[in-house]
């Protein structure tokens, strides 16, 4: 019985997958889809903050000077 429930859960699409399907099925222009695809994600924002962080900047400069 537990295995049956697990199999049902695996068959159902995840929220992320269904949202992606709905996004591509939605009746919006290709330009709007393209613009929405270029929005920054949280992961990219975190990476950019590390690059702009003065501590990391100083370390990069020291490594560059040693090389």
C-alpha atoms as a PDB file:
ATOM      1  CA  UNK A   1       0.000   0.000   0.000  1.00  0.00           C
ATOM      2  CA  UNK A   2       2.828   2.397   0.834  1.00  0.00           C
ATOM      3  CA  UNK A   3       4.612   1.483  -2.397  1.00  0.00           C
ATOM      4  CA  UNK A   4       1.439   2.241  -4.374  1.00  0.00           C
ATOM      5  CA  UNK A   5       1.255   5.701  -2.824  1.00  0.00           C
ATOM      6  CA  UNK A   6       4.930   6.348  -3.599  1.00  0.00           C
ATOM      7  CA  UNK A   7       4.399   5.293  -7.211  1.00  0.00           C
ATOM      8  CA  UNK A   8       1.436   7.653  -7.503  1.00  0.00           C
ATOM      9  CA  UNK A   9       3.516  10.501  -6.104  1.00  0.00           C
ATOM     10  CA  UNK A  10       6.278   9.789  -8.619  1.00  0.00           C
ATOM     11  CA  UNK A  11       3.802   9.797 -11.515  1.00  0.00           C
ATOM     12  CA  UNK A  12       2.373  13.194 -10.594  1.00  0.00           C
ATOM     13  CA  UNK A  13       4.171  16.173 -12.076  1.00  0.00           C
ATOM     14  CA  UNK A  14       5.960  18.414  -9.681  1.00  0.00           C
ATOM     15  CA  UNK A  15       4.828  21.976  -9.153  1.00  0.00           C
ATOM     16  CA  UNK A  16       7.894  23.281 -10.994  1.00  0.00           C
ATOM     17  CA  UNK A  17       7.245  21.067 -14.022  1.00  0.00           C
ATOM     18  CA  UNK A  18       3.574  21.991 -14.185  1.00  0.00           C
ATOM     19  CA  UNK A  19       4.409  25.691 -13.882  1.00  0.00           C
ATOM     20  CA  UNK A  20       6.911  25.382 -16.713  1.00  0.00           C
ATOM     21  CA  UNK A  21       4.311  23.588 -18.861  1.00  0.00           C
ATOM     22  CA  UNK A  22       1.723  26.262 -18.101  1.00  0.00           C
ATOM     23  CA  UNK A  23       4.257  28.970 -18.940  1.00  0.00           C
ATOM     24  CA  UNK A  24       4.883  27.565 -22.400  1.00  0.00           C
ATOM     25  CA  UNK A  25       1.185  26.887 -23.002  1.00  0.00           C
ATOM     26  CA  UNK A  26       0.201  30.426 -22.000  1.00  0.00           C
ATOM     27  CA  UNK A  27      -0.875  32.772 -24.767  1.00  0.00           C
ATOM     28  CA  UNK A  28       1.810  35.445 -24.489  1.00  0.00           C
ATOM     29  CA  UNK A  29       4.092  36.796 -27.155  1.00  0.00           C
ATOM     30  CA  UNK A  30       7.496  35.276 -27.828  1.00  0.00           C
ATOM     31  CA  UNK A  31       9.148  38.579 -26.931  1.00  0.00           C
ATOM     32  CA  UNK A  32       7.568  38.506 -23.477  1.00  0.00           C
ATOM     33  CA  UNK A  33       8.717  34.900 -22.955  1.00  0.00           C
ATOM     34  CA  UNK A  34      12.206  35.917 -24.006  1.00  0.00           C
ATOM     35  CA  UNK A  35      12.237  38.850 -21.590  1.00  0.00           C
ATOM     36  CA  UNK A  36      10.934  36.717 -18.727  1.00  0.00           C
ATOM     37  CA  UNK A  37      13.664  34.186 -19.435  1.00  0.00           C
ATOM     38  CA  UNK A  38      16.339  36.842 -18.950  1.00  0.00           C
ATOM     39  CA  UNK A  39      15.228  37.821 -15.446  1.00  0.00           C
ATOM     40  CA  UNK A  40      17.950  37.177 -12.871  1.00  0.00           C
ATOM     41  CA  UNK A  41      17.458  34.262 -10.543  1.00  0.00           C
ATOM     42  CA  UNK A  42      18.364  34.171  -6.893  1.00  0.00           C
ATOM     43  CA  UNK A  43      21.334  31.923  -7.581  1.00  0.00           C
ATOM     44  CA  UNK A  44      22.797  34.387 -10.080  1.00  0.00           C
ATOM     45  CA  UNK A  45      22.250  37.225  -7.625  1.00  0.00           C
ATOM     46  CA  UNK A  46      24.213  35.395  -4.922  1.00  0.00           C
ATOM     47  CA  UNK A  47      27.081  34.742  -7.331  1.00  0.00           C
ATOM     48  CA  UNK A  48      27.145  38.405  -8.339  1.00  0.00           C
ATOM     49  CA  UNK A  49      27.242  39.504  -4.697  1.00  0.00           C
ATOM     50  CA  UNK A  50      30.337  37.336  -4.141  1.00  0.00           C
ATOM     51  CA  UNK A  51      32.037  38.940  -7.125  1.00  0.00           C
ATOM     52  CA  UNK A  52      31.254  42.428  -5.821  1.00  0.00           C
ATOM     53  CA  UNK A  53      32.179  41.624  -2.221  1.00  0.00           C
ATOM     54  CA  UNK A  54      35.355  43.583  -1.341  1.00  0.00           C
ATOM     55  CA  UNK A  55      36.805  40.615   0.558  1.00  0.00           C
ATOM     56  CA  UNK A  56      36.598  38.366  -2.502  1.00  0.00           C
ATOM     57  CA  UNK A  57      37.811  41.203  -4.715  1.00  0.00           C
ATOM     58  CA  UNK A  58      40.926  41.626  -2.542  1.00  0.00           C
ATOM     59  CA  UNK A  59      41.652  37.899  -2.631  1.00  0.00           C
ATOM     60  CA  UNK A  60      41.344  37.889  -6.434  1.00  0.00           C
ATOM     61  CA  UNK A  61      43.745  40.822  -6.679  1.00  0.00           C
ATOM     62  CA  UNK A  62      46.295  39.103  -4.410  1.00  0.00           C
ATOM     63  CA  UNK A  63      46.104  35.902  -6.450  1.00  0.00           C
ATOM     64  CA  UNK A  64      46.493  37.880  -9.671  1.00  0.00           C
ATOM     65  CA  UNK A  65      49.552  39.702  -8.275  1.00  0.00           C
ATOM     66  CA  UNK A  66      51.218  36.425  -7.252  1.00  0.00           C
ATOM     67  CA  UNK A  67      50.726  34.897 -10.701  1.00  0.00           C
END
